[in-house]
Amino acid sequence: MSTSEVNLNDPLNWYIADSMADYNVRLDPETAKEIVHRHNGYPKLVNALRDAIAILEKEGCGEKAESLRRELQELGELG
């Protein structure tokens, strides 16, 4: 048997093949474009939220600014 062939008598190979079915996800092109678009827009949204926090603090709206800051922290984007 060559190195590129799979031994179908090996139970581990059956387990791996069965497990791979759980991860066999194919996206249609439109869904893939939507995901990429959201990913590319995410940093802009985070920056806009940081700007909003700064403006709210400047205008004396500390509670709302703190609430938004907690949201950023939950997202792991507080920096």
C-alpha atoms as a PDB file:
ATOM      1  CA  MET A   1       0.000   0.000   0.000  1.00  0.00           C
ATOM      2  CA  SER A   2       1.383   3.435  -0.894  1.00  0.00           C
ATOM      3  CA  THR A   3       1.536   6.304   1.588  1.00  0.00           C
ATOM      4  CA  SER A   4      -1.362   8.089  -0.127  1.00  0.00           C
ATOM      5  CA  GLU A   5      -3.756   5.150   0.312  1.00  0.00           C
ATOM      6  CA  VAL A   6      -5.979   4.727   3.341  1.00  0.00           C
ATOM      7  CA  ASN A   7      -6.194   1.398   5.129  1.00  0.00           C
ATOM      8  CA  LEU A   8      -9.945   0.777   5.326  1.00  0.00           C
ATOM      9  CA  ASN A   9      -9.406  -2.055   7.791  1.00  0.00           C
ATOM     10  CA  ASP A  10      -8.039   0.326  10.426  1.00  0.00           C
ATOM     11  CA  PRO A  11     -10.819   1.363  12.870  1.00  0.00           C
ATOM     12  CA  LEU A  12      -9.106   4.708  13.447  1.00  0.00           C
ATOM     13  CA  ASN A  13      -9.569   5.593   9.779  1.00  0.00           C
ATOM     14  CA  TRP A  14     -13.293   4.781  10.055  1.00  0.00           C
ATOM     15  CA  TYR A  15     -13.542   7.017  13.120  1.00  0.00           C
ATOM     16  CA  ILE A  16     -11.750   9.862  11.345  1.00  0.00           C
ATOM     17  CA  ALA A  17     -13.950   9.502   8.258  1.00  0.00           C
ATOM     18  CA  ASP A  18     -17.116   9.572  10.390  1.00  0.00           C
ATOM     19  CA  SER A  19     -15.877  12.615  12.301  1.00  0.00           C
ATOM     20  CA  MET A  20     -15.024  14.521   9.134  1.00  0.00           C
ATOM     21  CA  ALA A  21     -18.676  14.399   8.107  1.00  0.00           C
ATOM     22  CA  ASP A  22     -19.426  16.627  11.104  1.00  0.00           C
ATOM     23  CA  TYR A  23     -17.117  19.322   9.710  1.00  0.00           C
ATOM     24  CA  ASN A  24     -18.029  19.110   6.051  1.00  0.00           C
ATOM     25  CA  VAL A  25     -19.436  22.592   5.586  1.00  0.00           C
ATOM     26  CA  ARG A  26     -19.687  24.226   2.215  1.00  0.00           C
ATOM     27  CA  LEU A  27     -20.754  27.827   1.888  1.00  0.00           C
ATOM     28  CA  ASP A  28     -22.530  29.144  -1.121  1.00  0.00           C
ATOM     29  CA  PRO A  29     -20.739  32.119  -2.699  1.00  0.00           C
ATOM     30  CA  GLU A  30     -23.254  34.678  -1.451  1.00  0.00           C
ATOM     31  CA  THR A  31     -22.955  33.539   2.168  1.00  0.00           C
ATOM     32  CA  ALA A  32     -19.165  33.552   1.908  1.00  0.00           C
ATOM     33  CA  LYS A  33     -19.217  37.134   0.580  1.00  0.00           C
ATOM     34  CA  GLU A  34     -21.496  38.194   3.429  1.00  0.00           C
ATOM     35  CA  ILE A  35     -19.195  36.693   6.058  1.00  0.00           C
ATOM     36  CA  VAL A  36     -16.122  38.366   4.539  1.00  0.00           C
ATOM     37  CA  HIS A  37     -17.964  41.685   4.330  1.00  0.00           C
ATOM     38  CA  ARG A  38     -18.928  41.478   8.013  1.00  0.00           C
ATOM     39  CA  HIS A  39     -15.382  40.533   8.965  1.00  0.00           C
ATOM     40  CA  ASN A  40     -13.951  43.506   7.066  1.00  0.00           C
ATOM     41  CA  GLY A  41     -16.461  45.886   8.649  1.00  0.00           C
ATOM     42  CA  TYR A  42     -15.870  44.721  12.219  1.00  0.00           C
ATOM     43  CA  PRO A  43     -12.755  46.845  12.932  1.00  0.00           C
ATOM     44  CA  LYS A  44     -14.586  49.936  11.655  1.00  0.00           C
ATOM     45  CA  LEU A  45     -17.473  49.263  14.004  1.00  0.00           C
ATOM     46  CA  VAL A  46     -15.121  48.779  16.950  1.00  0.00           C
ATOM     47  CA  ASN A  47     -13.377  52.071  16.176  1.00  0.00           C
ATOM     48  CA  ALA A  48     -16.721  53.871  15.845  1.00  0.00           C
ATOM     49  CA  LEU A  49     -17.769  52.496  19.219  1.00  0.00           C
ATOM     50  CA  ARG A  50     -14.511  53.698  20.786  1.00  0.00           C
ATOM     51  CA  ASP A  51     -15.124  57.153  19.301  1.00  0.00           C
ATOM     52  CA  ALA A  52     -18.676  57.131  20.668  1.00  0.00           C
ATOM     53  CA  ILE A  53     -17.383  56.245  24.140  1.00  0.00           C
ATOM     54  CA  ALA A  54     -14.936  59.147  24.043  1.00  0.00           C
ATOM     55  CA  ILE A  55     -17.662  61.567  22.932  1.00  0.00           C
ATOM     56  CA  LEU A  56     -20.074  60.318  25.599  1.00  0.00           C
ATOM     57  CA  GLU A  57     -17.427  60.806  28.287  1.00  0.00           C
ATOM     58  CA  LYS A  58     -16.668  64.298  26.990  1.00  0.00           C
ATOM     59  CA  GLU A  59     -20.370  65.180  27.084  1.00  0.00           C
ATOM     60  CA  GLY A  60     -20.795  63.896  30.626  1.00  0.00           C
ATOM     61  CA  CYS A  61     -22.659  60.688  29.837  1.00  0.00           C
ATOM     62  CA  GLY A  62     -20.424  58.464  31.935  1.00  0.00           C
ATOM     63  CA  GLU A  63     -22.968  55.709  32.590  1.00  0.00           C
ATOM     64  CA  LYS A  64     -23.647  55.140  28.908  1.00  0.00           C
ATOM     65  CA  ALA A  65     -19.923  55.309  28.110  1.00  0.00           C
ATOM     66  CA  GLU A  66     -19.207  52.720  30.813  1.00  0.00           C
ATOM     67  CA  SER A  67     -21.944  50.472  29.462  1.00  0.00           C
ATOM     68  CA  LEU A  68     -20.423  50.584  25.983  1.00  0.00           C
ATOM     69  CA  ARG A  69     -16.960  50.037  27.436  1.00  0.00           C
ATOM     70  CA  ARG A  70     -18.217  46.847  29.126  1.00  0.00           C
ATOM     71  CA  GLU A  71     -19.625  45.682  25.786  1.00  0.00           C
ATOM     72  CA  LEU A  72     -16.215  46.197  24.172  1.00  0.00           C
ATOM     73  CA  GLN A  73     -14.564  44.353  27.031  1.00  0.00           C
ATOM     74  CA  GLU A  74     -16.921  41.388  26.579  1.00  0.00           C
ATOM     75  CA  LEU A  75     -15.946  41.314  22.907  1.00  0.00           C
ATOM     76  CA  GLY A  76     -12.282  41.361  23.878  1.00  0.00           C
ATOM     77  CA  GLU A  77     -11.807  44.677  22.107  1.00  0.00           C
ATOM     78  CA  LEU A  78     -11.056  46.976  24.996  1.00  0.00           C
ATOM     79  CA  GLY A  79      -7.709  48.511  24.317  1.00  0.00           C
END
